[in-house]
Each structure stands twice: as structure tokens, then as C-alpha cells.
């Protein structure tokens, strides 16, 4: 019984690791078919406010404390959610930038991106509705 429980828990944990694949999405009208990691990092960390080519970019984020947000920043930047929040607190205190707008759920991220040609967000791998497209895939495997 203990062995069966152990393998069940281990299988669930492994499945979670495998499914940590994240899609970076933009509005379907965005001319970019692909973005590089550095470009996505620069947008989400407030280093730039435009896509390559100069079109405005508005990053959308999951609410602080959500597991998807922590996973996204860990995979994208190598930083913990606390480190990212501290980074943003410094920029906000200095009056230099505003952090990405936060929403409650993956579905809210998809809805925000579909409604805004300047939007960029991230979601776990899933079927996508019309109005958004993938410009980058992130996973936690080396």
C-alpha cells in the first residue's frame, strides 16, 4: 500500500514537471511570429516597452502568489517570484516603470491578449482560441 501510494505521488509530481511548458502569447494581429528569450525578458522586466520594430508592448501577468507566475519567472529569468517582486518594487519606488498588469487567471490572460494588439502574456500549454498566437515556448528542461 505504501509503495503504491509512493509511486502515485511520484507519478503526479513528474507529470507536473513535464507539464511545466509555458507558451508566450501575443494578439493574432501582432506581426511577430517568434520572439527571442531576451526580448521576452526585456518586456516582462520593464527594460523595454515595445516589441522589436517599435510597436508598443503591454505585458500581462498572473496575480502575485499564483504558481503559474512563479514558474514563468523562474524558467524565463532564473529568478524567484520574490526576487522579481523586489526588482519591481525598486523600479516602482523610483518612479521609473510600472509592472505588468496582473489578472486572476489564465483565461483572463488569454482574453486580455485577444482584446489588445499590444498585449503579451504567458499561459500553460493548452489549445488556443482565435485571436492569440504563440511567439515563444518555455519549458523547464535544459
N, C-alpha and C. Protein backbone atom coordinates (compact mmCIF):
# COMPACT_ATOMS: atom_id res chain seq x y z
N UNK A 1 0.82 -1.20 0.00
CA UNK A 1 0.00 0.00 0.00
C UNK A 1 0.87 1.26 0.00
N UNK A 2 1.90 1.27 0.85
CA UNK A 2 2.79 2.43 0.91
C UNK A 2 3.53 2.60 -0.41
N UNK A 3 3.97 1.49 -1.00
CA UNK A 3 4.68 1.54 -2.27
C UNK A 3 3.78 2.10 -3.37
N UNK A 4 2.53 1.63 -3.41
CA UNK A 4 1.59 2.12 -4.42
C UNK A 4 1.35 3.61 -4.26
N UNK A 5 1.19 4.07 -3.02
CA UNK A 5 1.00 5.49 -2.76
C UNK A 5 2.23 6.29 -3.18
N UNK A 6 3.43 5.77 -2.86
CA UNK A 6 4.66 6.45 -3.24
C UNK A 6 4.74 6.63 -4.75
N UNK A 7 4.47 5.56 -5.50
CA UNK A 7 4.56 5.67 -6.96
C UNK A 7 3.49 6.60 -7.53
N UNK A 8 2.32 6.61 -6.93
CA UNK A 8 1.27 7.51 -7.39
C UNK A 8 1.69 8.96 -7.18
N UNK A 9 2.21 9.26 -6.01
CA UNK A 9 2.67 10.62 -5.72
C UNK A 9 3.83 11.00 -6.64
N UNK A 10 4.78 10.08 -6.81
CA UNK A 10 5.92 10.35 -7.69
C UNK A 10 5.46 10.59 -9.12
N UNK A 11 4.50 9.81 -9.60
CA UNK A 11 3.99 9.98 -10.96
C UNK A 11 3.32 11.34 -11.12
N UNK A 12 2.55 11.76 -10.12
CA UNK A 12 1.90 13.06 -10.18
C UNK A 12 2.91 14.20 -10.18
N UNK A 13 3.96 14.06 -9.36
CA UNK A 13 5.00 15.09 -9.31
C UNK A 13 5.72 15.17 -10.65
N UNK A 14 6.05 14.02 -11.24
CA UNK A 14 6.75 14.00 -12.51
C UNK A 14 5.87 14.60 -13.61
N UNK A 15 4.58 14.25 -13.59
CA UNK A 15 3.66 14.80 -14.59
C UNK A 15 3.62 16.32 -14.48
N UNK A 16 3.66 16.86 -13.29
CA UNK A 16 3.68 18.30 -13.09
C UNK A 16 4.91 18.94 -13.69
N UNK A 17 6.05 18.29 -13.55
CA UNK A 17 7.28 18.82 -14.12
C UNK A 17 7.24 18.82 -15.63
N UNK A 18 6.74 17.72 -16.19
CA UNK A 18 6.66 17.62 -17.65
C UNK A 18 5.70 18.67 -18.20
N UNK A 19 4.61 18.94 -17.49
CA UNK A 19 3.60 19.87 -17.98
C UNK A 19 3.93 21.32 -17.67
N UNK A 20 5.15 21.61 -17.22
CA UNK A 20 5.51 22.97 -16.89
C UNK A 20 5.80 23.80 -18.14
N UNK A 21 5.44 23.29 -19.29
CA UNK A 21 5.67 24.03 -20.52
C UNK A 21 4.75 25.25 -20.57
N UNK A 22 5.34 26.36 -20.90
CA UNK A 22 4.62 27.63 -20.91
C UNK A 22 4.69 28.23 -22.31
N UNK A 23 3.58 28.80 -22.73
CA UNK A 23 3.51 29.48 -24.01
C UNK A 23 3.47 30.98 -23.79
N UNK A 24 4.30 31.70 -24.52
CA UNK A 24 4.22 33.16 -24.51
C UNK A 24 3.35 33.52 -25.70
N UNK A 25 2.29 34.27 -25.43
CA UNK A 25 1.30 34.56 -26.48
C UNK A 25 1.18 36.06 -26.72
N UNK A 26 0.80 36.40 -27.94
CA UNK A 26 0.51 37.78 -28.32
C UNK A 26 -0.79 37.77 -29.12
N UNK A 27 -1.31 38.94 -29.37
CA UNK A 27 -2.50 39.09 -30.18
C UNK A 27 -2.22 38.57 -31.58
N UNK A 28 -3.20 37.97 -32.23
CA UNK A 28 -3.03 37.40 -33.56
C UNK A 28 -2.64 38.45 -34.60
N UNK A 29 -2.94 39.72 -34.34
CA UNK A 29 -2.58 40.79 -35.27
C UNK A 29 -1.12 41.23 -35.12
N UNK A 30 -0.47 40.79 -34.08
CA UNK A 30 0.94 41.14 -33.88
C UNK A 30 1.76 40.56 -35.04
N UNK A 31 2.61 41.36 -35.70
CA UNK A 31 3.33 40.86 -36.86
C UNK A 31 4.44 39.84 -36.53
N UNK A 32 4.81 39.72 -35.29
CA UNK A 32 5.91 38.82 -34.92
C UNK A 32 5.43 37.37 -34.87
N UNK A 33 6.21 36.52 -35.49
CA UNK A 33 5.91 35.08 -35.45
C UNK A 33 6.66 34.39 -34.33
N UNK A 34 7.74 35.02 -33.89
CA UNK A 34 8.58 34.43 -32.85
C UNK A 34 9.33 35.56 -32.13
N UNK A 35 9.54 35.38 -30.85
CA UNK A 35 10.37 36.30 -30.07
C UNK A 35 11.47 35.50 -29.41
N UNK A 36 12.61 36.14 -29.23
CA UNK A 36 13.72 35.50 -28.54
C UNK A 36 13.55 35.68 -27.03
N UNK A 37 14.22 34.81 -26.28
CA UNK A 37 14.11 34.86 -24.82
C UNK A 37 14.47 36.25 -24.29
N UNK A 38 15.54 36.84 -24.76
CA UNK A 38 15.97 38.15 -24.27
C UNK A 38 14.89 39.21 -24.53
N UNK A 39 14.24 39.13 -25.67
CA UNK A 39 13.19 40.09 -25.98
C UNK A 39 12.02 39.96 -25.00
N UNK A 40 11.65 38.73 -24.68
CA UNK A 40 10.55 38.49 -23.74
C UNK A 40 10.97 38.93 -22.33
N UNK A 41 12.19 38.61 -21.94
CA UNK A 41 12.68 39.05 -20.63
C UNK A 41 12.64 40.57 -20.54
N UNK A 42 13.12 41.24 -21.56
CA UNK A 42 13.16 42.71 -21.54
C UNK A 42 11.76 43.31 -21.41
N UNK A 43 10.77 42.73 -22.07
CA UNK A 43 9.41 43.25 -21.97
C UNK A 43 8.85 43.00 -20.57
N UNK A 44 8.98 41.77 -20.05
CA UNK A 44 8.38 41.44 -18.75
C UNK A 44 9.14 42.06 -17.58
N UNK A 45 10.40 42.42 -17.78
CA UNK A 45 11.15 43.05 -16.69
C UNK A 45 11.18 44.58 -16.85
N UNK A 46 10.42 45.09 -17.80
CA UNK A 46 10.27 46.53 -17.95
C UNK A 46 11.46 47.24 -18.56
N UNK A 47 12.35 46.51 -19.17
CA UNK A 47 13.53 47.14 -19.79
C UNK A 47 13.17 47.82 -21.10
N UNK A 48 12.14 47.31 -21.76
CA UNK A 48 11.62 47.94 -22.97
C UNK A 48 10.10 47.93 -22.88
N UNK A 49 9.48 48.84 -23.60
CA UNK A 49 8.02 48.88 -23.63
C UNK A 49 7.50 48.72 -25.05
N UNK A 50 8.36 48.20 -25.91
CA UNK A 50 7.95 47.97 -27.29
C UNK A 50 8.42 46.59 -27.76
N UNK A 51 7.74 46.09 -28.77
CA UNK A 51 8.21 44.88 -29.45
C UNK A 51 9.35 45.28 -30.38
N UNK A 52 10.16 44.32 -30.81
CA UNK A 52 11.17 44.64 -31.82
C UNK A 52 10.46 45.30 -33.02
N UNK A 53 11.00 46.38 -33.49
CA UNK A 53 10.35 47.11 -34.57
C UNK A 53 9.63 48.35 -34.09
N UNK A 54 9.41 48.45 -32.77
CA UNK A 54 8.88 49.68 -32.21
C UNK A 54 7.41 49.72 -31.85
N UNK A 55 6.64 48.70 -32.18
CA UNK A 55 5.22 48.70 -31.78
C UNK A 55 5.12 48.57 -30.26
N UNK A 56 4.15 49.26 -29.65
CA UNK A 56 4.03 49.19 -28.19
C UNK A 56 3.75 47.77 -27.69
N UNK A 57 4.29 47.47 -26.52
CA UNK A 57 4.07 46.17 -25.88
C UNK A 57 3.53 46.40 -24.48
N UNK A 58 2.50 45.67 -24.13
CA UNK A 58 1.94 45.74 -22.78
C UNK A 58 1.89 44.33 -22.21
N UNK A 59 2.73 44.09 -21.21
CA UNK A 59 2.80 42.76 -20.60
C UNK A 59 1.66 42.57 -19.60
N UNK A 60 1.09 41.37 -19.61
CA UNK A 60 0.08 40.97 -18.64
C UNK A 60 0.63 39.81 -17.83
N UNK A 61 0.33 39.81 -16.56
CA UNK A 61 0.91 38.88 -15.62
C UNK A 61 -0.19 38.23 -14.80
N UNK A 62 0.07 37.03 -14.28
CA UNK A 62 -0.84 36.45 -13.30
C UNK A 62 -0.65 37.16 -11.96
N UNK A 63 -1.66 37.10 -11.15
CA UNK A 63 -1.60 37.71 -9.82
C UNK A 63 -0.44 37.16 -9.01
N UNK A 64 0.17 38.02 -8.20
CA UNK A 64 1.27 37.60 -7.33
C UNK A 64 0.81 36.44 -6.44
N UNK A 65 1.68 35.47 -6.31
CA UNK A 65 1.38 34.30 -5.48
C UNK A 65 0.81 33.13 -6.25
N UNK A 66 0.51 33.32 -7.51
CA UNK A 66 -0.02 32.18 -8.28
C UNK A 66 1.14 31.30 -8.74
N UNK A 67 0.95 29.99 -8.70
CA UNK A 67 2.03 29.08 -9.09
C UNK A 67 2.50 29.29 -10.53
N UNK A 68 1.59 29.60 -11.43
CA UNK A 68 1.97 29.83 -12.83
C UNK A 68 2.91 31.00 -13.00
N UNK A 69 2.71 32.03 -12.21
CA UNK A 69 3.57 33.22 -12.27
C UNK A 69 4.98 32.87 -11.78
N UNK A 70 5.05 32.17 -10.66
CA UNK A 70 6.35 31.78 -10.11
C UNK A 70 7.11 30.91 -11.10
N UNK A 71 6.41 29.95 -11.71
CA UNK A 71 7.06 29.06 -12.68
C UNK A 71 7.54 29.84 -13.90
N UNK A 72 6.71 30.74 -14.40
CA UNK A 72 7.09 31.53 -15.58
C UNK A 72 8.38 32.31 -15.33
N UNK A 73 8.45 33.05 -14.24
CA UNK A 73 9.64 33.87 -13.98
C UNK A 73 10.87 33.02 -13.67
N UNK A 74 10.65 31.88 -13.01
CA UNK A 74 11.79 31.01 -12.71
C UNK A 74 12.39 30.46 -14.00
N UNK A 75 11.52 30.01 -14.92
CA UNK A 75 12.02 29.46 -16.18
C UNK A 75 12.57 30.57 -17.07
N UNK A 76 11.88 31.69 -17.16
CA UNK A 76 12.30 32.76 -18.08
C UNK A 76 13.56 33.47 -17.60
N UNK A 77 13.60 33.84 -16.33
CA UNK A 77 14.69 34.69 -15.84
C UNK A 77 15.64 33.99 -14.88
N UNK A 78 15.22 32.84 -14.34
CA UNK A 78 16.02 32.18 -13.33
C UNK A 78 15.83 32.79 -11.94
N UNK A 79 14.91 33.73 -11.83
CA UNK A 79 14.67 34.41 -10.55
C UNK A 79 13.39 33.89 -9.90
N UNK A 80 13.38 33.91 -8.58
CA UNK A 80 12.17 33.53 -7.85
C UNK A 80 11.15 34.66 -7.97
N UNK A 81 9.92 34.33 -7.63
CA UNK A 81 8.88 35.36 -7.66
C UNK A 81 9.21 36.49 -6.68
N UNK A 82 9.77 36.17 -5.53
CA UNK A 82 10.14 37.20 -4.55
C UNK A 82 11.22 38.14 -5.12
N UNK A 83 12.17 37.57 -5.84
CA UNK A 83 13.21 38.41 -6.46
C UNK A 83 12.61 39.32 -7.53
N UNK A 84 11.68 38.79 -8.31
CA UNK A 84 11.04 39.61 -9.34
C UNK A 84 10.23 40.73 -8.68
N UNK A 85 9.49 40.40 -7.63
CA UNK A 85 8.69 41.41 -6.94
C UNK A 85 9.59 42.48 -6.32
N UNK A 86 10.72 42.08 -5.77
CA UNK A 86 11.66 43.05 -5.20
C UNK A 86 12.23 43.96 -6.30
N UNK A 87 12.54 43.38 -7.44
CA UNK A 87 13.02 44.14 -8.59
C UNK A 87 12.00 45.21 -8.97
N UNK A 88 10.73 44.78 -9.09
CA UNK A 88 9.68 45.72 -9.47
C UNK A 88 9.44 46.76 -8.39
N UNK A 89 9.51 46.38 -7.14
CA UNK A 89 9.30 47.34 -6.05
C UNK A 89 10.32 48.47 -6.13
N UNK A 90 11.55 48.13 -6.47
CA UNK A 90 12.59 49.15 -6.62
C UNK A 90 12.26 50.10 -7.76
N UNK A 91 11.85 49.55 -8.91
CA UNK A 91 11.54 50.40 -10.07
C UNK A 91 10.31 51.27 -9.81
N UNK A 92 9.31 50.70 -9.17
CA UNK A 92 8.10 51.47 -8.88
C UNK A 92 8.42 52.57 -7.88
N UNK A 93 9.21 52.25 -6.84
CA UNK A 93 9.57 53.26 -5.84
C UNK A 93 10.33 54.41 -6.49
N UNK A 94 11.19 54.09 -7.44
CA UNK A 94 11.97 55.13 -8.13
C UNK A 94 11.12 55.87 -9.16
N UNK A 95 9.89 55.40 -9.39
CA UNK A 95 9.00 56.06 -10.34
C UNK A 95 9.40 55.86 -11.78
N UNK A 96 10.16 54.79 -12.03
CA UNK A 96 10.67 54.60 -13.39
C UNK A 96 9.77 53.75 -14.28
N UNK A 97 9.07 52.79 -13.72
CA UNK A 97 8.28 51.87 -14.54
C UNK A 97 7.09 51.36 -13.74
N UNK A 98 6.15 50.80 -14.45
CA UNK A 98 5.03 50.10 -13.82
C UNK A 98 5.15 48.62 -14.17
N UNK A 99 4.90 47.75 -13.22
CA UNK A 99 4.99 46.31 -13.50
C UNK A 99 3.89 45.88 -14.45
N UNK A 100 4.01 44.68 -15.03
CA UNK A 100 2.94 44.18 -15.89
C UNK A 100 1.62 44.16 -15.14
N UNK A 101 0.56 44.45 -15.87
CA UNK A 101 -0.78 44.43 -15.28
C UNK A 101 -1.13 43.00 -14.90
N UNK A 102 -1.66 42.82 -13.69
CA UNK A 102 -1.95 41.47 -13.20
C UNK A 102 -3.43 41.14 -13.36
N UNK A 103 -3.68 39.88 -13.70
CA UNK A 103 -5.05 39.36 -13.80
C UNK A 103 -5.14 38.07 -12.99
N UNK A 104 -6.37 37.58 -12.81
CA UNK A 104 -6.61 36.45 -11.91
C UNK A 104 -6.36 35.06 -12.47
N UNK A 105 -6.41 34.89 -13.78
CA UNK A 105 -6.39 33.52 -14.31
C UNK A 105 -5.78 33.44 -15.70
N UNK A 106 -5.50 32.23 -16.12
CA UNK A 106 -5.00 32.01 -17.48
C UNK A 106 -6.03 32.49 -18.51
N UNK A 107 -7.29 32.21 -18.24
CA UNK A 107 -8.34 32.63 -19.17
C UNK A 107 -8.41 34.15 -19.27
N UNK A 108 -8.18 34.85 -18.17
CA UNK A 108 -8.16 36.32 -18.20
C UNK A 108 -6.96 36.82 -19.01
N UNK A 109 -5.83 36.10 -18.93
CA UNK A 109 -4.67 36.48 -19.75
C UNK A 109 -5.00 36.33 -21.23
N UNK A 110 -5.60 35.21 -21.59
CA UNK A 110 -5.96 34.97 -22.99
C UNK A 110 -6.94 36.05 -23.47
N UNK A 111 -7.91 36.36 -22.65
CA UNK A 111 -8.91 37.37 -23.02
C UNK A 111 -8.26 38.74 -23.21
N UNK A 112 -7.33 39.10 -22.32
CA UNK A 112 -6.64 40.39 -22.42
C UNK A 112 -5.80 40.46 -23.68
N UNK A 113 -5.12 39.39 -24.02
CA UNK A 113 -4.27 39.38 -25.23
C UNK A 113 -5.14 39.42 -26.49
N UNK A 114 -6.22 38.69 -26.49
CA UNK A 114 -7.10 38.68 -27.67
C UNK A 114 -7.72 40.05 -27.92
N UNK A 115 -7.91 40.83 -26.87
CA UNK A 115 -8.57 42.13 -26.99
C UNK A 115 -7.61 43.28 -27.24
N UNK A 116 -6.30 43.04 -27.12
CA UNK A 116 -5.34 44.15 -27.17
C UNK A 116 -4.17 43.80 -28.11
N UNK A 117 -4.05 44.49 -29.25
CA UNK A 117 -2.96 44.18 -30.19
C UNK A 117 -1.56 44.39 -29.61
N UNK A 118 -1.44 45.14 -28.52
CA UNK A 118 -0.12 45.39 -27.91
C UNK A 118 0.20 44.39 -26.80
N UNK A 119 -0.71 43.51 -26.49
CA UNK A 119 -0.56 42.65 -25.31
C UNK A 119 0.38 41.47 -25.54
N UNK A 120 1.01 41.07 -24.47
CA UNK A 120 1.83 39.86 -24.42
C UNK A 120 1.62 39.24 -23.05
N UNK A 121 1.51 37.92 -23.00
CA UNK A 121 1.27 37.22 -21.73
C UNK A 121 1.81 35.80 -21.85
N UNK A 122 1.61 35.03 -20.81
CA UNK A 122 2.07 33.64 -20.79
C UNK A 122 0.96 32.78 -20.19
N UNK A 123 0.90 31.56 -20.69
CA UNK A 123 -0.10 30.61 -20.20
C UNK A 123 0.49 29.22 -20.26
N UNK A 124 -0.02 28.27 -19.49
CA UNK A 124 0.42 26.88 -19.66
C UNK A 124 -0.05 26.37 -21.02
N UNK A 125 0.67 25.37 -21.55
CA UNK A 125 0.29 24.82 -22.86
C UNK A 125 -1.16 24.37 -22.82
N UNK A 126 -1.91 24.79 -23.81
CA UNK A 126 -3.31 24.45 -23.93
C UNK A 126 -3.78 24.85 -25.32
N UNK A 127 -4.92 24.33 -25.77
CA UNK A 127 -5.46 24.78 -27.05
C UNK A 127 -5.78 26.27 -26.96
N UNK A 128 -5.47 26.98 -28.04
CA UNK A 128 -5.66 28.43 -28.02
C UNK A 128 -6.86 28.83 -28.87
N UNK A 129 -7.56 29.85 -28.43
CA UNK A 129 -8.67 30.35 -29.24
C UNK A 129 -8.14 31.25 -30.36
N UNK A 130 -9.01 31.56 -31.32
CA UNK A 130 -8.64 32.54 -32.34
C UNK A 130 -8.39 33.87 -31.63
N UNK A 131 -7.51 34.66 -32.20
CA UNK A 131 -7.25 35.97 -31.61
C UNK A 131 -5.93 36.03 -30.87
N UNK A 132 -5.28 34.89 -30.62
CA UNK A 132 -3.96 34.88 -29.99
C UNK A 132 -3.07 33.90 -30.74
N UNK A 133 -1.77 34.09 -30.60
CA UNK A 133 -0.82 33.16 -31.21
C UNK A 133 0.42 33.04 -30.33
N UNK A 134 1.12 31.96 -30.50
CA UNK A 134 2.32 31.67 -29.71
C UNK A 134 3.54 32.28 -30.40
N UNK A 135 4.37 32.99 -29.62
CA UNK A 135 5.61 33.54 -30.16
C UNK A 135 6.85 32.94 -29.49
N UNK A 136 6.62 32.15 -28.44
CA UNK A 136 7.74 31.51 -27.75
C UNK A 136 7.21 30.40 -26.85
N UNK A 137 7.97 29.33 -26.76
CA UNK A 137 7.65 28.24 -25.83
C UNK A 137 8.77 28.13 -24.81
N UNK A 138 8.40 27.97 -23.56
CA UNK A 138 9.37 27.80 -22.48
C UNK A 138 9.10 26.47 -21.80
N UNK A 139 10.15 25.76 -21.46
CA UNK A 139 9.96 24.58 -20.61
C UNK A 139 11.12 24.52 -19.64
N UNK A 140 10.93 23.72 -18.64
CA UNK A 140 11.93 23.68 -17.57
C UNK A 140 12.96 22.60 -17.76
N UNK A 141 13.05 22.03 -18.96
CA UNK A 141 14.11 21.07 -19.21
C UNK A 141 15.30 21.79 -19.82
N UNK A 142 16.51 21.31 -19.54
CA UNK A 142 17.70 22.00 -20.04
C UNK A 142 17.79 22.00 -21.55
